[in-house]
Amino acid sequence: MEANVTQVGDSLTVRIGNYQKGVVLPTFLAGMKVAHAGYEEKWLAIEFRKKEMAGVG
């Protein structure tokens, strides 16, 4: 089954089939964005990356 991960601010919602779970992220992850979510063997792994700053560079 495919995992659908949605992040809004410090809130993360994970949907797998008919199952849905909401999680409040710790402060250090709330400032990041979900880069990838997928299975590693039987576990769901969610990777986070720093948000890009607009106009920098």
N, C-alpha and C. Protein backbone atom coordinates (compact mmCIF):
# COMPACT_ATOMS: atom_id res chain seq x y z
N MET A 1 0.83 -1.19 0.00
CA MET A 1 0.00 0.00 0.00
C MET A 1 0.88 1.25 0.00
N GLU A 2 0.40 2.26 -0.65
CA GLU A 2 1.12 3.52 -0.74
C GLU A 2 0.81 4.39 0.48
N ALA A 3 1.82 5.07 0.98
CA ALA A 3 1.64 6.00 2.10
C ALA A 3 1.49 7.41 1.54
N ASN A 4 0.49 8.13 2.02
CA ASN A 4 0.27 9.52 1.65
C ASN A 4 0.59 10.36 2.87
N VAL A 5 1.62 11.21 2.77
CA VAL A 5 2.07 12.03 3.89
C VAL A 5 1.84 13.49 3.55
N THR A 6 1.12 14.20 4.42
CA THR A 6 0.82 15.61 4.23
C THR A 6 1.31 16.38 5.44
N GLN A 7 2.03 17.47 5.18
CA GLN A 7 2.54 18.30 6.27
C GLN A 7 1.98 19.70 6.14
N VAL A 8 1.45 20.22 7.25
CA VAL A 8 0.99 21.60 7.33
C VAL A 8 1.55 22.16 8.63
N GLY A 9 2.55 23.04 8.51
CA GLY A 9 3.19 23.60 9.70
C GLY A 9 3.83 22.51 10.53
N ASP A 10 3.41 22.43 11.81
CA ASP A 10 3.98 21.42 12.70
C ASP A 10 3.12 20.17 12.79
N SER A 11 2.18 20.02 11.86
CA SER A 11 1.28 18.87 11.85
C SER A 11 1.57 17.97 10.65
N LEU A 12 1.66 16.66 10.92
CA LEU A 12 1.92 15.68 9.88
C LEU A 12 0.78 14.67 9.88
N THR A 13 0.19 14.41 8.71
CA THR A 13 -0.87 13.42 8.58
C THR A 13 -0.37 12.31 7.67
N VAL A 14 -0.48 11.07 8.16
CA VAL A 14 -0.06 9.90 7.39
C VAL A 14 -1.30 9.08 7.08
N ARG A 15 -1.53 8.79 5.81
CA ARG A 15 -2.65 7.95 5.39
C ARG A 15 -2.11 6.73 4.65
N ILE A 16 -2.54 5.56 5.10
CA ILE A 16 -2.19 4.30 4.45
C ILE A 16 -3.49 3.51 4.35
N GLY A 17 -3.98 3.38 3.12
CA GLY A 17 -5.27 2.71 2.93
C GLY A 17 -6.36 3.49 3.67
N ASN A 18 -7.13 2.81 4.51
CA ASN A 18 -8.20 3.46 5.27
C ASN A 18 -7.73 3.99 6.62
N TYR A 19 -6.45 3.84 6.92
CA TYR A 19 -5.90 4.25 8.20
C TYR A 19 -5.32 5.66 8.08
N GLN A 20 -5.61 6.51 9.08
CA GLN A 20 -5.07 7.87 9.09
C GLN A 20 -4.59 8.19 10.50
N LYS A 21 -3.41 8.81 10.59
CA LYS A 21 -2.85 9.18 11.88
C LYS A 21 -2.26 10.57 11.79
N GLY A 22 -2.62 11.44 12.73
CA GLY A 22 -2.06 12.78 12.81
C GLY A 22 -0.99 12.82 13.89
N VAL A 23 0.08 13.54 13.60
CA VAL A 23 1.20 13.65 14.53
C VAL A 23 1.63 15.11 14.59
N VAL A 24 1.89 15.60 15.81
CA VAL A 24 2.47 16.93 15.96
C VAL A 24 3.98 16.76 15.96
N LEU A 25 4.63 17.47 15.05
CA LEU A 25 6.08 17.34 14.89
C LEU A 25 6.83 18.11 15.97
N PRO A 26 8.01 17.61 16.36
CA PRO A 26 8.85 18.39 17.27
C PRO A 26 9.29 19.68 16.59
N THR A 27 9.64 20.68 17.36
CA THR A 27 9.98 22.00 16.83
C THR A 27 11.05 21.95 15.75
N PHE A 28 12.09 21.14 15.93
CA PHE A 28 13.17 21.12 14.94
C PHE A 28 12.73 20.53 13.60
N LEU A 29 11.67 19.72 13.56
CA LEU A 29 11.15 19.20 12.29
C LEU A 29 10.07 20.10 11.69
N ALA A 30 9.40 20.89 12.51
CA ALA A 30 8.33 21.77 12.01
C ALA A 30 8.88 22.80 11.03
N GLY A 31 10.16 23.16 11.16
CA GLY A 31 10.78 24.11 10.24
C GLY A 31 11.34 23.45 9.00
N MET A 32 11.09 22.18 8.82
CA MET A 32 11.57 21.45 7.65
C MET A 32 10.38 20.96 6.83
N LYS A 33 10.66 20.38 5.65
CA LYS A 33 9.58 19.86 4.82
C LYS A 33 9.84 18.38 4.52
N VAL A 34 8.78 17.66 4.25
CA VAL A 34 8.91 16.25 3.89
C VAL A 34 9.52 16.17 2.49
N ALA A 35 10.65 15.47 2.39
CA ALA A 35 11.32 15.30 1.11
C ALA A 35 10.91 14.00 0.44
N HIS A 36 10.69 12.96 1.27
CA HIS A 36 10.35 11.65 0.71
C HIS A 36 9.72 10.80 1.81
N ALA A 37 8.76 10.01 1.44
CA ALA A 37 8.16 9.03 2.36
C ALA A 37 8.01 7.73 1.60
N GLY A 38 8.51 6.67 2.18
CA GLY A 38 8.42 5.36 1.53
C GLY A 38 8.79 4.26 2.50
N TYR A 39 8.62 3.05 2.05
CA TYR A 39 8.89 1.89 2.91
C TYR A 39 10.34 1.45 2.80
N GLU A 40 10.93 1.15 3.94
CA GLU A 40 12.23 0.48 4.03
C GLU A 40 11.95 -0.83 4.75
N GLU A 41 11.92 -1.91 3.97
CA GLU A 41 11.47 -3.22 4.44
C GLU A 41 10.02 -3.07 4.91
N LYS A 42 9.72 -3.30 6.17
CA LYS A 42 8.33 -3.20 6.63
C LYS A 42 8.05 -1.90 7.38
N TRP A 43 9.00 -0.97 7.38
CA TRP A 43 8.86 0.28 8.13
C TRP A 43 8.65 1.46 7.19
N LEU A 44 7.83 2.41 7.62
CA LEU A 44 7.64 3.65 6.87
C LEU A 44 8.74 4.62 7.27
N ALA A 45 9.52 5.09 6.31
CA ALA A 45 10.59 6.05 6.57
C ALA A 45 10.20 7.39 5.94
N ILE A 46 10.31 8.45 6.72
CA ILE A 46 9.98 9.80 6.24
C ILE A 46 11.24 10.64 6.35
N GLU A 47 11.67 11.19 5.22
CA GLU A 47 12.87 12.03 5.19
C GLU A 47 12.45 13.50 5.16
N PHE A 48 13.14 14.30 5.93
CA PHE A 48 12.88 15.74 5.99
C PHE A 48 14.09 16.49 5.46
N ARG A 49 13.85 17.64 4.84
CA ARG A 49 14.91 18.53 4.35
C ARG A 49 14.59 19.95 4.79
N LYS A 50 15.64 20.76 4.86
CA LYS A 50 15.44 22.18 5.19
C LYS A 50 14.63 22.84 4.08
N LYS A 51 13.74 23.75 4.49
CA LYS A 51 12.98 24.50 3.50
C LYS A 51 13.90 25.48 2.80
N GLU A 52 13.71 25.65 1.50
CA GLU A 52 14.50 26.59 0.71
C GLU A 52 14.03 28.00 1.02
N MET A 53 14.97 28.90 1.15
CA MET A 53 14.64 30.30 1.38
C MET A 53 14.41 30.99 0.03
N ALA A 54 13.28 31.67 -0.12
CA ALA A 54 12.96 32.37 -1.37
C ALA A 54 13.88 33.59 -1.54
N GLY A 55 14.43 33.75 -2.72
CA GLY A 55 15.25 34.91 -3.03
C GLY A 55 16.68 34.83 -2.52
N VAL A 56 17.10 33.72 -1.97
CA VAL A 56 18.47 33.59 -1.49
C VAL A 56 19.32 33.01 -2.61
N GLY A 57 20.52 33.57 -2.81
CA GLY A 57 21.43 33.00 -3.79
C GLY A 57 21.66 33.86 -4.91
